[in-house]
N, C-alpha and C. Protein backbone atom coordinates (compact mmCIF):
# COMPACT_ATOMS: atom_id res chain seq x y z
N MET A 1 18.22 19.39 10.70
CA MET A 1 18.77 18.06 10.93
C MET A 1 18.22 17.11 9.88
N ARG A 2 19.07 16.30 9.32
CA ARG A 2 18.67 15.32 8.31
C ARG A 2 17.85 14.22 8.93
N ASN A 3 16.96 13.65 8.11
CA ASN A 3 16.19 12.49 8.55
C ASN A 3 17.15 11.32 8.69
N SER A 4 17.30 10.79 9.89
CA SER A 4 18.29 9.75 10.13
C SER A 4 17.69 8.35 10.15
N LEU A 5 16.43 8.20 9.72
CA LEU A 5 15.84 6.87 9.71
C LEU A 5 16.46 6.01 8.63
N ASN A 6 16.84 4.80 8.99
CA ASN A 6 17.34 3.86 7.99
C ASN A 6 16.15 3.31 7.21
N PRO A 7 16.39 2.63 6.07
CA PRO A 7 15.27 2.16 5.25
C PRO A 7 14.31 1.25 6.01
N GLY A 8 14.82 0.37 6.85
CA GLY A 8 13.94 -0.51 7.62
C GLY A 8 13.01 0.28 8.52
N ALA A 9 13.55 1.28 9.20
CA ALA A 9 12.72 2.10 10.08
C ALA A 9 11.70 2.91 9.29
N ARG A 10 12.09 3.39 8.11
CA ARG A 10 11.14 4.13 7.27
C ARG A 10 9.96 3.26 6.87
N PHE A 11 10.26 2.04 6.40
CA PHE A 11 9.18 1.16 5.96
C PHE A 11 8.34 0.69 7.13
N LEU A 12 8.96 0.48 8.28
CA LEU A 12 8.18 0.13 9.47
C LEU A 12 7.25 1.29 9.84
N PHE A 13 7.76 2.52 9.80
CA PHE A 13 6.93 3.69 10.08
C PHE A 13 5.74 3.77 9.12
N TRP A 14 6.02 3.72 7.80
CA TRP A 14 4.95 3.84 6.81
C TRP A 14 3.99 2.66 6.87
N GLY A 15 4.50 1.46 7.13
CA GLY A 15 3.63 0.30 7.23
C GLY A 15 2.72 0.38 8.44
N ALA A 16 3.28 0.70 9.60
CA ALA A 16 2.47 0.79 10.82
C ALA A 16 1.46 1.94 10.72
N LEU A 17 1.90 3.09 10.21
CA LEU A 17 0.99 4.22 10.05
C LEU A 17 -0.17 3.86 9.12
N ASN A 18 0.14 3.23 8.00
CA ASN A 18 -0.91 2.87 7.05
C ASN A 18 -1.80 1.75 7.57
N ALA A 19 -1.26 0.83 8.33
CA ALA A 19 -2.11 -0.21 8.92
C ALA A 19 -3.13 0.43 9.86
N GLY A 20 -2.69 1.37 10.69
CA GLY A 20 -3.62 2.07 11.56
C GLY A 20 -4.66 2.86 10.78
N LEU A 21 -4.21 3.54 9.71
CA LEU A 21 -5.16 4.28 8.87
C LEU A 21 -6.17 3.35 8.21
N ALA A 22 -5.70 2.19 7.74
CA ALA A 22 -6.61 1.24 7.09
C ALA A 22 -7.67 0.74 8.06
N VAL A 23 -7.28 0.44 9.29
CA VAL A 23 -8.24 0.00 10.30
C VAL A 23 -9.23 1.13 10.58
N MET A 24 -8.72 2.34 10.75
CA MET A 24 -9.58 3.49 11.03
C MET A 24 -10.56 3.74 9.88
N LEU A 25 -10.05 3.72 8.64
CA LEU A 25 -10.91 3.97 7.49
C LEU A 25 -11.91 2.83 7.27
N GLY A 26 -11.49 1.60 7.54
CA GLY A 26 -12.42 0.48 7.45
C GLY A 26 -13.56 0.62 8.44
N ALA A 27 -13.24 0.97 9.68
CA ALA A 27 -14.27 1.17 10.70
C ALA A 27 -15.15 2.38 10.37
N PHE A 28 -14.53 3.44 9.87
CA PHE A 28 -15.29 4.63 9.47
C PHE A 28 -16.31 4.26 8.39
N GLY A 29 -15.87 3.48 7.41
CA GLY A 29 -16.79 3.06 6.36
C GLY A 29 -17.92 2.21 6.90
N LYS A 30 -17.58 1.27 7.75
CA LYS A 30 -18.58 0.35 8.31
C LYS A 30 -19.62 1.07 9.15
N HIS A 31 -19.19 2.04 9.94
CA HIS A 31 -20.11 2.68 10.88
C HIS A 31 -20.65 4.03 10.43
N ALA A 32 -19.80 4.86 9.88
CA ALA A 32 -20.25 6.23 9.55
C ALA A 32 -20.80 6.33 8.13
N LEU A 33 -20.29 5.52 7.21
CA LEU A 33 -20.70 5.65 5.81
C LEU A 33 -21.77 4.65 5.40
N LYS A 34 -22.05 3.69 6.25
CA LYS A 34 -22.97 2.60 5.93
C LYS A 34 -24.31 3.11 5.39
N SER A 35 -24.86 4.12 6.03
CA SER A 35 -26.17 4.63 5.61
C SER A 35 -26.06 5.65 4.48
N MET A 36 -24.86 6.10 4.18
CA MET A 36 -24.67 7.15 3.17
C MET A 36 -24.29 6.62 1.79
N LEU A 37 -23.67 5.44 1.75
CA LEU A 37 -23.18 4.91 0.48
C LEU A 37 -24.07 3.77 -0.01
N SER A 38 -24.18 3.66 -1.31
CA SER A 38 -24.89 2.52 -1.91
C SER A 38 -24.07 1.26 -1.63
N GLU A 39 -24.69 0.11 -1.79
CA GLU A 39 -23.96 -1.14 -1.56
C GLU A 39 -22.76 -1.29 -2.50
N PRO A 40 -22.88 -0.95 -3.79
CA PRO A 40 -21.68 -1.04 -4.64
C PRO A 40 -20.55 -0.11 -4.17
N MET A 41 -20.89 1.08 -3.69
CA MET A 41 -19.84 1.99 -3.21
C MET A 41 -19.28 1.52 -1.87
N MET A 42 -20.11 0.86 -1.04
CA MET A 42 -19.58 0.27 0.20
C MET A 42 -18.61 -0.85 -0.13
N GLU A 43 -18.92 -1.62 -1.16
CA GLU A 43 -18.00 -2.69 -1.58
C GLU A 43 -16.69 -2.09 -2.09
N THR A 44 -16.78 -0.99 -2.79
CA THR A 44 -15.58 -0.28 -3.24
C THR A 44 -14.75 0.16 -2.04
N TRP A 45 -15.41 0.72 -1.02
CA TRP A 45 -14.73 1.16 0.21
C TRP A 45 -14.06 -0.03 0.90
N ARG A 46 -14.78 -1.15 1.00
CA ARG A 46 -14.22 -2.35 1.64
C ARG A 46 -12.99 -2.86 0.88
N THR A 47 -13.06 -2.83 -0.45
CA THR A 47 -11.92 -3.26 -1.26
C THR A 47 -10.72 -2.35 -0.99
N ALA A 48 -10.96 -1.05 -0.94
CA ALA A 48 -9.87 -0.10 -0.65
C ALA A 48 -9.24 -0.40 0.70
N ALA A 49 -10.06 -0.61 1.72
CA ALA A 49 -9.55 -0.86 3.07
C ALA A 49 -8.79 -2.19 3.13
N TYR A 50 -9.30 -3.21 2.44
CA TYR A 50 -8.65 -4.52 2.43
C TYR A 50 -7.25 -4.44 1.82
N TYR A 51 -7.16 -3.86 0.63
CA TYR A 51 -5.86 -3.75 -0.02
C TYR A 51 -4.93 -2.79 0.73
N HIS A 52 -5.49 -1.77 1.33
CA HIS A 52 -4.71 -0.83 2.12
C HIS A 52 -4.05 -1.58 3.29
N LEU A 53 -4.86 -2.32 4.05
CA LEU A 53 -4.32 -3.04 5.21
C LEU A 53 -3.35 -4.13 4.79
N THR A 54 -3.70 -4.88 3.75
CA THR A 54 -2.83 -5.96 3.29
C THR A 54 -1.45 -5.43 2.91
N HIS A 55 -1.41 -4.34 2.19
CA HIS A 55 -0.13 -3.81 1.73
C HIS A 55 0.60 -3.01 2.80
N ALA A 56 -0.13 -2.50 3.78
CA ALA A 56 0.53 -1.89 4.93
C ALA A 56 1.30 -2.96 5.70
N LEU A 57 0.68 -4.12 5.87
CA LEU A 57 1.38 -5.22 6.54
C LEU A 57 2.56 -5.70 5.70
N ALA A 58 2.41 -5.66 4.38
CA ALA A 58 3.52 -6.02 3.50
C ALA A 58 4.69 -5.06 3.71
N LEU A 59 4.40 -3.79 3.94
CA LEU A 59 5.49 -2.83 4.20
C LEU A 59 6.22 -3.15 5.50
N VAL A 60 5.48 -3.63 6.50
CA VAL A 60 6.14 -4.05 7.75
C VAL A 60 7.07 -5.22 7.44
N LEU A 61 6.62 -6.13 6.60
CA LEU A 61 7.47 -7.24 6.17
C LEU A 61 8.70 -6.73 5.42
N VAL A 62 8.51 -5.77 4.55
CA VAL A 62 9.63 -5.17 3.82
C VAL A 62 10.63 -4.56 4.81
N ALA A 63 10.13 -3.94 5.86
CA ALA A 63 11.02 -3.35 6.87
C ALA A 63 11.94 -4.40 7.48
N VAL A 64 11.39 -5.58 7.75
CA VAL A 64 12.19 -6.67 8.31
C VAL A 64 13.19 -7.19 7.28
N ILE A 65 12.70 -7.39 6.06
CA ILE A 65 13.56 -7.96 5.01
C ILE A 65 14.70 -7.01 4.64
N VAL A 66 14.40 -5.72 4.54
CA VAL A 66 15.43 -4.76 4.13
C VAL A 66 16.59 -4.74 5.12
N GLU A 67 16.31 -5.00 6.38
CA GLU A 67 17.36 -5.02 7.40
C GLU A 67 18.22 -6.28 7.33
N ARG A 68 17.68 -7.34 6.75
CA ARG A 68 18.40 -8.62 6.71
C ARG A 68 18.95 -8.97 5.34
N SER A 69 18.61 -8.18 4.35
CA SER A 69 18.95 -8.50 2.97
C SER A 69 20.38 -8.11 2.61
N SER A 70 20.97 -8.91 1.74
CA SER A 70 22.26 -8.52 1.19
C SER A 70 22.08 -7.50 0.06
N ARG A 71 20.84 -7.29 -0.38
CA ARG A 71 20.50 -6.32 -1.43
C ARG A 71 19.39 -5.39 -0.93
N PRO A 72 19.64 -4.61 0.12
CA PRO A 72 18.58 -3.75 0.67
C PRO A 72 18.06 -2.73 -0.34
N ASP A 73 18.89 -2.35 -1.31
CA ASP A 73 18.44 -1.40 -2.32
C ASP A 73 17.31 -1.99 -3.15
N ARG A 74 17.41 -3.26 -3.50
CA ARG A 74 16.35 -3.93 -4.25
C ARG A 74 15.07 -4.03 -3.43
N VAL A 75 15.21 -4.39 -2.18
CA VAL A 75 14.04 -4.52 -1.30
C VAL A 75 13.37 -3.16 -1.13
N ALA A 76 14.17 -2.12 -1.02
CA ALA A 76 13.62 -0.77 -0.85
C ALA A 76 12.77 -0.36 -2.05
N VAL A 77 13.21 -0.72 -3.25
CA VAL A 77 12.41 -0.40 -4.44
C VAL A 77 11.04 -1.06 -4.32
N ALA A 78 11.00 -2.31 -3.89
CA ALA A 78 9.73 -3.01 -3.70
C ALA A 78 8.86 -2.27 -2.69
N GLY A 79 9.47 -1.82 -1.61
CA GLY A 79 8.72 -1.09 -0.59
C GLY A 79 8.10 0.19 -1.12
N TRP A 80 8.88 0.95 -1.89
CA TRP A 80 8.35 2.21 -2.44
C TRP A 80 7.24 1.94 -3.45
N LEU A 81 7.36 0.85 -4.22
CA LEU A 81 6.29 0.50 -5.15
C LEU A 81 5.01 0.12 -4.40
N LEU A 82 5.14 -0.63 -3.33
CA LEU A 82 3.96 -1.00 -2.54
C LEU A 82 3.31 0.22 -1.90
N LEU A 83 4.12 1.12 -1.39
CA LEU A 83 3.58 2.35 -0.79
C LEU A 83 2.86 3.20 -1.84
N THR A 84 3.46 3.33 -3.01
CA THR A 84 2.83 4.08 -4.09
C THR A 84 1.53 3.41 -4.51
N GLY A 85 1.54 2.08 -4.56
CA GLY A 85 0.32 1.35 -4.89
C GLY A 85 -0.80 1.61 -3.91
N MET A 86 -0.47 1.67 -2.62
CA MET A 86 -1.51 1.98 -1.62
C MET A 86 -2.13 3.34 -1.88
N LEU A 87 -1.29 4.31 -2.13
CA LEU A 87 -1.79 5.67 -2.38
C LEU A 87 -2.69 5.70 -3.61
N LEU A 88 -2.21 5.12 -4.71
CA LEU A 88 -2.96 5.19 -5.96
C LEU A 88 -4.18 4.26 -5.96
N PHE A 89 -4.00 3.01 -5.56
CA PHE A 89 -5.09 2.04 -5.62
C PHE A 89 -6.14 2.34 -4.56
N SER A 90 -5.75 2.25 -3.30
CA SER A 90 -6.73 2.46 -2.23
C SER A 90 -7.21 3.90 -2.20
N GLY A 91 -6.29 4.84 -2.40
CA GLY A 91 -6.70 6.25 -2.39
C GLY A 91 -7.75 6.56 -3.43
N SER A 92 -7.55 6.04 -4.65
CA SER A 92 -8.54 6.31 -5.70
C SER A 92 -9.87 5.64 -5.39
N LEU A 93 -9.84 4.44 -4.80
CA LEU A 93 -11.09 3.77 -4.46
C LEU A 93 -11.82 4.47 -3.31
N TYR A 94 -11.09 4.93 -2.31
CA TYR A 94 -11.74 5.70 -1.23
C TYR A 94 -12.43 6.93 -1.81
N LEU A 95 -11.71 7.65 -2.66
CA LEU A 95 -12.29 8.86 -3.26
C LEU A 95 -13.46 8.54 -4.18
N LEU A 96 -13.35 7.47 -4.94
CA LEU A 96 -14.45 7.06 -5.81
C LEU A 96 -15.70 6.75 -4.99
N ALA A 97 -15.53 6.02 -3.90
CA ALA A 97 -16.68 5.68 -3.05
C ALA A 97 -17.32 6.93 -2.46
N LEU A 98 -16.51 7.89 -2.06
CA LEU A 98 -17.04 9.10 -1.44
C LEU A 98 -17.67 10.06 -2.44
N THR A 99 -17.08 10.15 -3.63
CA THR A 99 -17.53 11.17 -4.58
C THR A 99 -18.36 10.62 -5.73
N GLY A 100 -18.19 9.34 -6.04
CA GLY A 100 -18.85 8.77 -7.20
C GLY A 100 -18.25 9.25 -8.52
N PHE A 101 -17.13 9.92 -8.46
CA PHE A 101 -16.47 10.47 -9.64
C PHE A 101 -15.75 9.35 -10.39
N ARG A 102 -16.40 8.80 -11.39
CA ARG A 102 -15.93 7.61 -12.10
C ARG A 102 -14.55 7.75 -12.76
N PRO A 103 -14.16 8.93 -13.26
CA PRO A 103 -12.82 9.02 -13.86
C PRO A 103 -11.68 8.65 -12.91
N LEU A 104 -11.94 8.65 -11.59
CA LEU A 104 -10.91 8.20 -10.64
C LEU A 104 -10.54 6.75 -10.89
N GLY A 105 -11.45 5.99 -11.51
CA GLY A 105 -11.19 4.60 -11.81
C GLY A 105 -10.00 4.40 -12.73
N ILE A 106 -9.60 5.44 -13.43
CA ILE A 106 -8.43 5.36 -14.31
C ILE A 106 -7.15 5.20 -13.48
N VAL A 107 -7.14 5.76 -12.30
CA VAL A 107 -5.95 5.74 -11.44
C VAL A 107 -5.77 4.38 -10.77
N THR A 108 -6.88 3.71 -10.47
CA THR A 108 -6.84 2.47 -9.71
C THR A 108 -5.93 1.41 -10.32
N PRO A 109 -6.00 1.15 -11.63
CA PRO A 109 -5.10 0.14 -12.20
C PRO A 109 -3.62 0.51 -12.11
N LEU A 110 -3.32 1.80 -12.10
CA LEU A 110 -1.92 2.21 -11.91
C LEU A 110 -1.43 1.76 -10.54
N GLY A 111 -2.29 1.92 -9.54
CA GLY A 111 -1.94 1.44 -8.20
C GLY A 111 -1.81 -0.06 -8.16
N GLY A 112 -2.72 -0.76 -8.86
CA GLY A 112 -2.63 -2.22 -8.93
C GLY A 112 -1.33 -2.66 -9.60
N GLY A 113 -0.93 -1.92 -10.62
CA GLY A 113 0.34 -2.22 -11.28
C GLY A 113 1.51 -2.02 -10.34
N CYS A 114 1.46 -0.98 -9.53
CA CYS A 114 2.52 -0.76 -8.52
C CYS A 114 2.56 -1.92 -7.53
N PHE A 115 1.39 -2.41 -7.12
CA PHE A 115 1.35 -3.57 -6.23
C PHE A 115 2.05 -4.76 -6.89
N LEU A 116 1.65 -5.05 -8.14
CA LEU A 116 2.24 -6.20 -8.84
C LEU A 116 3.75 -6.05 -8.99
N PHE A 117 4.19 -4.90 -9.47
CA PHE A 117 5.63 -4.68 -9.64
C PHE A 117 6.35 -4.72 -8.30
N GLY A 118 5.71 -4.22 -7.25
CA GLY A 118 6.32 -4.27 -5.92
C GLY A 118 6.55 -5.70 -5.45
N TRP A 119 5.53 -6.55 -5.64
CA TRP A 119 5.69 -7.95 -5.24
C TRP A 119 6.73 -8.66 -6.11
N PHE A 120 6.71 -8.40 -7.42
CA PHE A 120 7.70 -9.02 -8.30
C PHE A 120 9.10 -8.52 -7.98
N TRP A 121 9.22 -7.23 -7.66
CA TRP A 121 10.53 -6.68 -7.32
C TRP A 121 11.03 -7.29 -6.01
N LEU A 122 10.12 -7.52 -5.08
CA LEU A 122 10.50 -8.17 -3.82
C LEU A 122 11.01 -9.58 -4.11
N ALA A 123 10.33 -10.30 -5.00
CA ALA A 123 10.81 -11.63 -5.39
C ALA A 123 12.18 -11.53 -6.05
N ARG A 124 12.36 -10.53 -6.90
CA ARG A 124 13.64 -10.33 -7.56
C ARG A 124 14.75 -10.06 -6.55
N SER A 125 14.41 -9.40 -5.47
CA SER A 125 15.43 -9.08 -4.47
C SER A 125 15.99 -10.33 -3.80
N ALA A 126 15.27 -11.44 -3.90
CA ALA A 126 15.76 -12.69 -3.31
C ALA A 126 16.70 -13.43 -4.25
N MET A 127 16.73 -13.01 -5.50
CA MET A 127 17.57 -13.68 -6.48
C MET A 127 19.02 -13.21 -6.34
N PRO A 128 19.97 -14.12 -6.55
CA PRO A 128 21.37 -13.70 -6.47
C PRO A 128 21.72 -12.70 -7.55
N ASN A 129 22.64 -11.83 -7.26
CA ASN A 129 23.11 -10.84 -8.22
C ASN A 129 24.05 -11.54 -9.20
N THR A 130 23.63 -11.63 -10.46
CA THR A 130 24.46 -12.32 -11.46
C THR A 130 25.31 -11.36 -12.28
N ALA A 131 25.06 -10.06 -12.12
CA ALA A 131 25.85 -9.07 -12.87
C ALA A 131 27.22 -8.94 -12.22
N SER A 132 28.22 -8.73 -13.05
CA SER A 132 29.58 -8.58 -12.49
C SER A 132 29.89 -7.17 -12.14
């Protein structure tokens, strides 16, 4: 059977799932990793959790907007960019904090770029279509 979720439901699913994961990972860092990580690595973990939660909530917003938009395809692109940004940005920071493997820092700006392009694409989706 094909996946019958519409784009709004997909983004609501991914946003809610990631919001729960961000809360869980934030609490895990605060309580379980506190004594294991250096303060700079704890700050890295907190940054990952903050951006993870912020952009998970943005995906919930995308879910609402995609259902009401006259250009849901544009809004969906923004949603996929934000989701990719969460994986690359927060994922690389979580792994960096746990492993100390500095080359993971190369991935983090790619995720940040996805966040930026996602927000700009969302803004673009509000603009009228001027192409004929």
